[in-house]
N, C-alpha and C. Protein backbone atom coordinates (compact mmCIF):
# COMPACT_ATOMS: atom_id res chain seq x y z
N UNK A 1 -24.05 8.71 22.04
CA UNK A 1 -23.49 8.27 20.77
C UNK A 1 -22.01 8.68 20.70
N UNK A 2 -21.15 7.75 20.36
CA UNK A 2 -19.73 8.06 20.28
C UNK A 2 -19.31 8.34 18.85
N UNK A 3 -18.33 9.19 18.73
CA UNK A 3 -17.77 9.51 17.42
C UNK A 3 -16.63 8.54 17.15
N UNK A 4 -16.58 8.03 15.92
CA UNK A 4 -15.49 7.13 15.57
C UNK A 4 -14.15 7.84 15.65
N UNK A 5 -13.10 7.11 16.01
CA UNK A 5 -11.77 7.73 16.05
C UNK A 5 -11.32 8.17 14.65
N UNK A 6 -10.41 9.11 14.63
CA UNK A 6 -9.93 9.67 13.37
C UNK A 6 -9.44 8.60 12.41
N UNK A 7 -8.65 7.66 12.88
CA UNK A 7 -8.09 6.64 11.99
C UNK A 7 -9.20 5.85 11.30
N UNK A 8 -10.27 5.59 12.03
CA UNK A 8 -11.38 4.81 11.46
C UNK A 8 -12.13 5.64 10.42
N UNK A 9 -12.35 6.91 10.73
CA UNK A 9 -13.03 7.78 9.77
C UNK A 9 -12.20 7.97 8.52
N UNK A 10 -10.88 8.10 8.68
CA UNK A 10 -10.01 8.27 7.51
C UNK A 10 -10.07 7.05 6.60
N UNK A 11 -10.12 5.89 7.19
CA UNK A 11 -10.16 4.66 6.38
C UNK A 11 -11.46 4.50 5.62
N UNK A 12 -12.50 5.21 6.04
CA UNK A 12 -13.79 5.07 5.35
C UNK A 12 -14.08 6.24 4.40
N UNK A 13 -13.13 7.16 4.25
CA UNK A 13 -13.33 8.30 3.35
C UNK A 13 -13.40 7.81 1.91
N UNK A 14 -14.38 8.30 1.18
CA UNK A 14 -14.48 8.02 -0.25
C UNK A 14 -13.77 9.14 -1.00
N UNK A 15 -12.47 8.99 -1.17
CA UNK A 15 -11.66 10.02 -1.80
C UNK A 15 -12.08 10.27 -3.25
N UNK A 16 -12.62 9.24 -3.89
CA UNK A 16 -13.02 9.40 -5.29
C UNK A 16 -14.11 10.47 -5.45
N UNK A 17 -14.95 10.65 -4.44
CA UNK A 17 -15.97 11.71 -4.49
C UNK A 17 -15.32 13.08 -4.60
N UNK A 18 -14.11 13.20 -4.08
CA UNK A 18 -13.37 14.46 -4.13
C UNK A 18 -12.46 14.52 -5.36
N UNK A 19 -12.59 13.54 -6.24
CA UNK A 19 -11.78 13.51 -7.45
C UNK A 19 -10.37 13.01 -7.24
N UNK A 20 -10.17 12.24 -6.19
CA UNK A 20 -8.85 11.72 -5.85
C UNK A 20 -8.83 10.22 -6.12
N UNK A 21 -7.82 9.77 -6.83
CA UNK A 21 -7.73 8.36 -7.19
C UNK A 21 -7.62 7.49 -5.94
N UNK A 22 -8.04 6.23 -6.05
CA UNK A 22 -7.92 5.32 -4.90
C UNK A 22 -6.48 5.21 -4.38
N UNK A 23 -5.54 5.19 -5.28
CA UNK A 23 -4.13 5.07 -4.89
C UNK A 23 -3.68 6.31 -4.10
N UNK A 24 -4.02 7.48 -4.60
CA UNK A 24 -3.66 8.71 -3.89
C UNK A 24 -4.44 8.82 -2.58
N UNK A 25 -5.69 8.39 -2.58
CA UNK A 25 -6.49 8.40 -1.37
C UNK A 25 -5.90 7.53 -0.29
N UNK A 26 -5.39 6.39 -0.69
CA UNK A 26 -4.76 5.48 0.27
C UNK A 26 -3.51 6.13 0.87
N UNK A 27 -2.76 6.82 0.02
CA UNK A 27 -1.55 7.51 0.50
C UNK A 27 -1.93 8.66 1.44
N UNK A 28 -2.95 9.42 1.08
CA UNK A 28 -3.41 10.51 1.94
C UNK A 28 -3.86 9.98 3.30
N UNK A 29 -4.61 8.89 3.28
CA UNK A 29 -5.08 8.29 4.53
C UNK A 29 -3.91 7.95 5.43
N UNK A 30 -2.91 7.29 4.88
CA UNK A 30 -1.74 6.88 5.66
C UNK A 30 -0.99 8.09 6.21
N UNK A 31 -0.78 9.10 5.35
CA UNK A 31 -0.04 10.28 5.78
C UNK A 31 -0.80 11.05 6.87
N UNK A 32 -2.09 11.17 6.73
CA UNK A 32 -2.89 11.86 7.75
C UNK A 32 -2.89 11.10 9.07
N UNK A 33 -2.95 9.78 8.98
CA UNK A 33 -2.89 8.97 10.21
C UNK A 33 -1.53 9.16 10.89
N UNK A 34 -0.47 9.17 10.10
CA UNK A 34 0.87 9.37 10.67
C UNK A 34 1.02 10.79 11.24
N UNK A 35 0.41 11.77 10.57
CA UNK A 35 0.46 13.14 11.05
C UNK A 35 -0.19 13.26 12.43
N UNK A 36 -1.20 12.46 12.67
CA UNK A 36 -1.91 12.47 13.95
C UNK A 36 -1.24 11.61 15.02
N UNK A 37 -0.11 11.00 14.69
CA UNK A 37 0.58 10.11 15.62
C UNK A 37 1.06 10.85 16.86
N UNK A 38 1.11 10.13 17.96
CA UNK A 38 1.59 10.69 19.23
C UNK A 38 3.10 10.95 19.18
N UNK A 39 3.81 10.14 18.40
CA UNK A 39 5.26 10.31 18.28
C UNK A 39 5.55 11.48 17.35
N UNK A 40 6.20 12.49 17.90
CA UNK A 40 6.46 13.71 17.15
C UNK A 40 7.30 13.46 15.90
N UNK A 41 8.29 12.59 15.99
CA UNK A 41 9.15 12.31 14.84
C UNK A 41 8.32 11.75 13.68
N UNK A 42 7.45 10.83 14.00
CA UNK A 42 6.59 10.23 12.96
C UNK A 42 5.68 11.29 12.34
N UNK A 43 5.10 12.14 13.18
CA UNK A 43 4.21 13.19 12.70
C UNK A 43 4.96 14.19 11.83
N UNK A 44 6.17 14.54 12.22
CA UNK A 44 6.96 15.50 11.45
C UNK A 44 7.33 14.93 10.08
N UNK A 45 7.72 13.67 10.04
CA UNK A 45 8.03 13.04 8.75
C UNK A 45 6.81 13.03 7.85
N UNK A 46 5.67 12.70 8.45
CA UNK A 46 4.43 12.67 7.68
C UNK A 46 4.08 14.06 7.15
N UNK A 47 4.32 15.08 7.95
CA UNK A 47 3.99 16.44 7.50
C UNK A 47 4.83 16.83 6.30
N UNK A 48 6.09 16.45 6.31
CA UNK A 48 6.97 16.78 5.18
C UNK A 48 6.55 16.04 3.91
N UNK A 49 6.21 14.76 4.07
CA UNK A 49 5.76 13.98 2.91
C UNK A 49 4.42 14.50 2.40
N UNK A 50 3.54 14.84 3.32
CA UNK A 50 2.23 15.36 2.96
C UNK A 50 2.36 16.70 2.26
N UNK A 51 3.25 17.54 2.73
CA UNK A 51 3.48 18.84 2.10
C UNK A 51 3.90 18.64 0.64
N UNK A 52 4.85 17.76 0.40
CA UNK A 52 5.32 17.50 -0.97
C UNK A 52 4.20 16.92 -1.84
N UNK A 53 3.42 16.03 -1.27
CA UNK A 53 2.34 15.38 -2.00
C UNK A 53 1.25 16.38 -2.37
N UNK A 54 0.89 17.24 -1.44
CA UNK A 54 -0.16 18.24 -1.69
C UNK A 54 0.37 19.34 -2.61
N UNK A 55 1.63 19.70 -2.47
CA UNK A 55 2.23 20.72 -3.34
C UNK A 55 2.18 20.25 -4.79
N UNK A 56 2.41 18.96 -5.01
CA UNK A 56 2.35 18.40 -6.36
C UNK A 56 0.92 18.19 -6.85
N UNK A 57 -0.04 18.15 -5.92
CA UNK A 57 -1.45 17.92 -6.23
C UNK A 57 -2.31 18.93 -5.47
N UNK A 58 -2.31 20.19 -5.89
CA UNK A 58 -3.00 21.24 -5.13
C UNK A 58 -4.49 20.99 -4.90
N UNK A 59 -5.11 20.20 -5.75
CA UNK A 59 -6.54 19.94 -5.57
C UNK A 59 -6.83 19.11 -4.32
N UNK A 60 -5.81 18.55 -3.70
CA UNK A 60 -5.99 17.75 -2.49
C UNK A 60 -6.19 18.62 -1.25
N UNK A 61 -5.81 19.90 -1.36
CA UNK A 61 -5.87 20.80 -0.21
C UNK A 61 -7.26 20.89 0.41
N UNK A 62 -8.27 21.09 -0.41
CA UNK A 62 -9.63 21.23 0.10
C UNK A 62 -10.13 20.00 0.84
N UNK A 63 -10.04 18.82 0.21
CA UNK A 63 -10.56 17.62 0.87
C UNK A 63 -9.84 17.24 2.18
N UNK A 64 -8.57 17.61 2.33
CA UNK A 64 -7.87 17.22 3.56
C UNK A 64 -7.94 18.29 4.65
N UNK A 65 -8.38 19.49 4.30
CA UNK A 65 -8.41 20.60 5.26
C UNK A 65 -9.14 20.26 6.57
N UNK A 66 -10.34 19.67 6.53
CA UNK A 66 -11.01 19.36 7.81
C UNK A 66 -10.21 18.41 8.70
N UNK A 67 -9.50 17.49 8.08
CA UNK A 67 -8.69 16.54 8.85
C UNK A 67 -7.46 17.25 9.44
N UNK A 68 -6.87 18.14 8.66
CA UNK A 68 -5.73 18.91 9.17
C UNK A 68 -6.14 19.75 10.36
N UNK A 69 -7.31 20.37 10.27
CA UNK A 69 -7.79 21.19 11.38
C UNK A 69 -8.05 20.36 12.62
N UNK A 70 -8.58 19.18 12.43
CA UNK A 70 -8.83 18.29 13.57
C UNK A 70 -7.52 17.82 14.19
N UNK A 71 -6.58 17.44 13.36
CA UNK A 71 -5.29 16.95 13.84
C UNK A 71 -4.53 18.07 14.55
N UNK A 72 -4.67 19.29 14.06
CA UNK A 72 -4.01 20.44 14.67
C UNK A 72 -4.31 20.51 16.18
N UNK A 73 -5.54 20.27 16.55
CA UNK A 73 -5.97 20.41 17.94
C UNK A 73 -5.44 19.33 18.87
N UNK A 74 -4.92 18.24 18.31
CA UNK A 74 -4.40 17.16 19.15
C UNK A 74 -2.88 17.03 19.05
N UNK A 75 -2.25 17.97 18.34
CA UNK A 75 -0.82 17.86 18.04
C UNK A 75 0.05 18.70 18.96
N UNK A 76 1.31 18.34 18.98
CA UNK A 76 2.33 19.10 19.71
C UNK A 76 2.60 20.41 18.95
N UNK A 77 3.13 21.42 19.64
CA UNK A 77 3.37 22.73 19.00
C UNK A 77 4.19 22.67 17.71
N UNK A 78 5.25 21.88 17.67
CA UNK A 78 6.09 21.81 16.46
C UNK A 78 5.30 21.25 15.29
N UNK A 79 4.46 20.27 15.56
CA UNK A 79 3.64 19.66 14.52
C UNK A 79 2.56 20.65 14.08
N UNK A 80 2.06 21.43 15.01
CA UNK A 80 1.05 22.45 14.67
C UNK A 80 1.60 23.45 13.66
N UNK A 81 2.85 23.82 13.82
CA UNK A 81 3.47 24.74 12.85
C UNK A 81 3.48 24.12 11.45
N UNK A 82 3.79 22.85 11.39
CA UNK A 82 3.80 22.15 10.10
C UNK A 82 2.39 22.07 9.51
N UNK A 83 1.42 21.83 10.35
CA UNK A 83 0.03 21.75 9.89
C UNK A 83 -0.42 23.11 9.36
N UNK A 84 -0.02 24.18 10.03
CA UNK A 84 -0.34 25.52 9.52
C UNK A 84 0.23 25.72 8.12
N UNK A 85 1.45 25.24 7.89
CA UNK A 85 2.05 25.34 6.55
C UNK A 85 1.23 24.55 5.53
N UNK A 86 0.73 23.39 5.93
CA UNK A 86 -0.10 22.58 5.04
C UNK A 86 -1.42 23.28 4.73
N UNK A 87 -2.02 23.87 5.74
CA UNK A 87 -3.28 24.58 5.53
C UNK A 87 -3.07 25.77 4.61
N UNK A 88 -1.92 26.44 4.74
CA UNK A 88 -1.62 27.60 3.91
C UNK A 88 -1.39 27.24 2.43
N UNK A 89 -1.13 25.96 2.15
CA UNK A 89 -0.96 25.54 0.75
C UNK A 89 -2.23 25.73 -0.05
N UNK A 90 -3.38 25.62 0.64
CA UNK A 90 -4.67 25.70 -0.05
C UNK A 90 -5.09 27.09 -0.18
């Protein structure tokens, strides 16, 4: 049995179950997908936007934590530092 890729799982997340509006959920999905990008520049931009978004909405920290942890393991060292900062927000 194969596990679906991260992008596919992110697109099927029911953010409303976590108390996150559909609009915010869509933004979180996009930012997390960009954070997982192979291109470091794209991932770094996403981390900065995600940090601002989560800082303004602290309740998002819990629901995105498992995805941040997963992305951490596939990221470059510089992006990992950013992900650690995101995890520390929660």
